[in-house]
Amino acid sequence: SWPESWPESWPESWPKTMTNKILSLLYFGERSKSELSERTRVTTDANSLKQALRQLLDGKLIAYTIPGKPTSRLQKYRLTPKGHALLASLQPGGKT
């Protein structure tokens, strides 16, 4: 498994975009929007965060933990198998 310092130590070849930051944070487990906001150092209302979450949800790389209630205050995000596969391919010695 990757060190806890990942995403700081993620592969240099991987662009440090908001979507990639979110994926890397979710690798370690489910996170709420406020947790993602705190770790990426942007506000929960930041367009960059909203757009990145939408893009990842649309791409089926992440999913809601409470699918029927996207606006629930208890809502969190998690990686899907597709998201896990993408991150596994980036690990040192991972499949490309």
C-alpha atoms as a PDB file:
ATOM      1  CA  SER A   1       0.000   0.000   0.000  1.00  0.00           C
ATOM      2  CA  TRP A   2       1.033   3.604  -0.459  1.00  0.00           C
ATOM      3  CA  PRO A   3       2.430   5.708   2.365  1.00  0.00           C
ATOM      4  CA  GLU A   4       0.013   8.027   4.181  1.00  0.00           C
ATOM      5  CA  SER A   5       1.938  10.951   2.677  1.00  0.00           C
ATOM      6  CA  TRP A   6       0.517  10.029  -0.727  1.00  0.00           C
ATOM      7  CA  PRO A   7      -0.677  12.230  -2.585  1.00  0.00           C
ATOM      8  CA  GLU A   8       2.369  14.331  -1.676  1.00  0.00           C
ATOM      9  CA  SER A   9       4.572  11.473  -2.896  1.00  0.00           C
ATOM     10  CA  TRP A  10       2.447  10.390  -5.872  1.00  0.00           C
ATOM     11  CA  PRO A  11       4.092   9.613  -9.207  1.00  0.00           C
ATOM     12  CA  GLU A  12       5.663  12.690 -10.787  1.00  0.00           C
ATOM     13  CA  SER A  13       4.086  11.724 -14.106  1.00  0.00           C
ATOM     14  CA  TRP A  14       0.601  12.134 -12.627  1.00  0.00           C
ATOM     15  CA  PRO A  15      -0.727  15.715 -12.906  1.00  0.00           C
ATOM     16  CA  LYS A  16      -1.778  17.245  -9.597  1.00  0.00           C
ATOM     17  CA  THR A  17      -5.283  18.136 -10.750  1.00  0.00           C
ATOM     18  CA  MET A  18      -8.252  18.424  -8.411  1.00  0.00           C
ATOM     19  CA  THR A  19      -9.735  15.160  -9.744  1.00  0.00           C
ATOM     20  CA  ASN A  20      -6.460  13.331  -9.104  1.00  0.00           C
ATOM     21  CA  LYS A  21      -6.181  14.785  -5.602  1.00  0.00           C
ATOM     22  CA  ILE A  22      -9.711  13.595  -4.787  1.00  0.00           C
ATOM     23  CA  LEU A  23      -9.007  10.111  -6.157  1.00  0.00           C
ATOM     24  CA  SER A  24      -5.844   9.848  -4.097  1.00  0.00           C
ATOM     25  CA  LEU A  25      -7.622  10.927  -0.909  1.00  0.00           C
ATOM     26  CA  LEU A  26     -10.421   8.407  -1.457  1.00  0.00           C
ATOM     27  CA  TYR A  27      -7.839   5.643  -1.877  1.00  0.00           C
ATOM     28  CA  PHE A  28      -7.527   5.641   1.923  1.00  0.00           C
ATOM     29  CA  GLY A  29     -11.274   5.439   2.522  1.00  0.00           C
ATOM     30  CA  GLU A  30     -14.575   7.265   2.310  1.00  0.00           C
ATOM     31  CA  ARG A  31     -14.501  11.024   2.756  1.00  0.00           C
ATOM     32  CA  SER A  32     -17.156  13.717   3.071  1.00  0.00           C
ATOM     33  CA  LYS A  33     -17.144  16.814   0.891  1.00  0.00           C
ATOM     34  CA  SER A  34     -15.923  18.879   3.852  1.00  0.00           C
ATOM     35  CA  GLU A  35     -13.032  16.449   4.458  1.00  0.00           C
ATOM     36  CA  LEU A  36     -12.073  16.643   0.770  1.00  0.00           C
ATOM     37  CA  SER A  37     -12.334  20.427   0.933  1.00  0.00           C
ATOM     38  CA  GLU A  38     -10.056  20.557   3.966  1.00  0.00           C
ATOM     39  CA  ARG A  39      -7.427  18.212   2.471  1.00  0.00           C
ATOM     40  CA  THR A  40      -7.367  19.968  -0.928  1.00  0.00           C
ATOM     41  CA  ARG A  41      -7.373  23.395   0.756  1.00  0.00           C
ATOM     42  CA  VAL A  42     -10.374  24.781  -1.132  1.00  0.00           C
ATOM     43  CA  THR A  43     -13.833  25.709   0.159  1.00  0.00           C
ATOM     44  CA  THR A  44     -16.703  23.239  -0.181  1.00  0.00           C
ATOM     45  CA  ASP A  45     -18.343  25.745  -2.551  1.00  0.00           C
ATOM     46  CA  ALA A  46     -15.278  26.050  -4.788  1.00  0.00           C
ATOM     47  CA  ASN A  47     -16.142  25.402  -8.429  1.00  0.00           C
ATOM     48  CA  SER A  48     -12.959  23.351  -8.857  1.00  0.00           C
ATOM     49  CA  LEU A  49     -14.116  20.911  -6.152  1.00  0.00           C
ATOM     50  CA  LYS A  50     -17.711  20.730  -7.432  1.00  0.00           C
ATOM     51  CA  GLN A  51     -16.606  20.196 -11.044  1.00  0.00           C
ATOM     52  CA  ALA A  52     -14.049  17.558 -10.076  1.00  0.00           C
ATOM     53  CA  LEU A  53     -16.613  15.602  -8.009  1.00  0.00           C
ATOM     54  CA  ARG A  54     -19.138  15.791 -10.860  1.00  0.00           C
ATOM     55  CA  GLN A  55     -16.532  14.621 -13.379  1.00  0.00           C
ATOM     56  CA  LEU A  56     -15.494  11.682 -11.178  1.00  0.00           C
ATOM     57  CA  LEU A  57     -19.117  10.703 -10.478  1.00  0.00           C
ATOM     58  CA  ASP A  58     -19.975  10.910 -14.196  1.00  0.00           C
ATOM     59  CA  GLY A  59     -16.894   8.841 -15.044  1.00  0.00           C
ATOM     60  CA  LYS A  60     -17.947   6.240 -12.457  1.00  0.00           C
ATOM     61  CA  LEU A  61     -14.556   6.520 -10.708  1.00  0.00           C
ATOM     62  CA  ILE A  62     -16.241   7.517  -7.439  1.00  0.00           C
ATOM     63  CA  ALA A  63     -19.717   6.960  -6.022  1.00  0.00           C
ATOM     64  CA  TYR A  64     -21.933   8.268  -3.244  1.00  0.00           C
ATOM     65  CA  THR A  65     -22.094   6.222  -0.048  1.00  0.00           C
ATOM     66  CA  ILE A  66     -25.816   7.125   0.167  1.00  0.00           C
ATOM     67  CA  PRO A  67     -26.860   6.922  -3.515  1.00  0.00           C
ATOM     68  CA  GLY A  68     -30.506   7.885  -3.003  1.00  0.00           C
ATOM     69  CA  LYS A  69     -29.716  11.110  -1.113  1.00  0.00           C
ATOM     70  CA  PRO A  70     -26.932  13.042  -2.864  1.00  0.00           C
ATOM     71  CA  THR A  71     -27.470  16.133  -0.682  1.00  0.00           C
ATOM     72  CA  SER A  72     -27.588  14.306   2.676  1.00  0.00           C
ATOM     73  CA  ARG A  73     -25.382  15.890   5.346  1.00  0.00           C
ATOM     74  CA  LEU A  74     -24.086  12.366   6.017  1.00  0.00           C
ATOM     75  CA  GLN A  75     -23.101  11.894   2.375  1.00  0.00           C
ATOM     76  CA  LYS A  76     -19.594  10.695   1.622  1.00  0.00           C
ATOM     77  CA  TYR A  77     -17.737   9.651  -1.497  1.00  0.00           C
ATOM     78  CA  ARG A  78     -15.920   6.390  -2.133  1.00  0.00           C
ATOM     79  CA  LEU A  79     -13.837   4.899  -4.907  1.00  0.00           C
ATOM     80  CA  THR A  80     -15.558   2.492  -7.268  1.00  0.00           C
ATOM     81  CA  PRO A  81     -13.805  -0.655  -8.567  1.00  0.00           C
ATOM     82  CA  LYS A  82     -13.000   1.379 -11.699  1.00  0.00           C
ATOM     83  CA  GLY A  83     -11.377   4.082  -9.536  1.00  0.00           C
ATOM     84  CA  HIS A  84      -9.377   1.488  -7.587  1.00  0.00           C
ATOM     85  CA  ALA A  85      -8.170  -0.079 -10.845  1.00  0.00           C
ATOM     86  CA  LEU A  86      -6.978   3.300 -12.118  1.00  0.00           C
ATOM     87  CA  LEU A  87      -5.012   4.017  -8.949  1.00  0.00           C
ATOM     88  CA  ALA A  88      -3.569   0.483  -8.850  1.00  0.00           C
ATOM     89  CA  SER A  89      -2.199   0.991 -12.352  1.00  0.00           C
ATOM     90  CA  LEU A  90      -0.261   4.057 -11.112  1.00  0.00           C
ATOM     91  CA  GLN A  91       1.440   2.342  -8.182  1.00  0.00           C
ATOM     92  CA  PRO A  92       5.104   1.535  -8.578  1.00  0.00           C
ATOM     93  CA  GLY A  93       5.132  -1.903 -10.175  1.00  0.00           C
ATOM     94  CA  GLY A  94       1.423  -1.583 -11.007  1.00  0.00           C
ATOM     95  CA  LYS A  95      -0.095  -2.652 -14.283  1.00  0.00           C
ATOM     96  CA  THR A  96      -0.081   0.001 -16.990  1.00  0.00           C
END
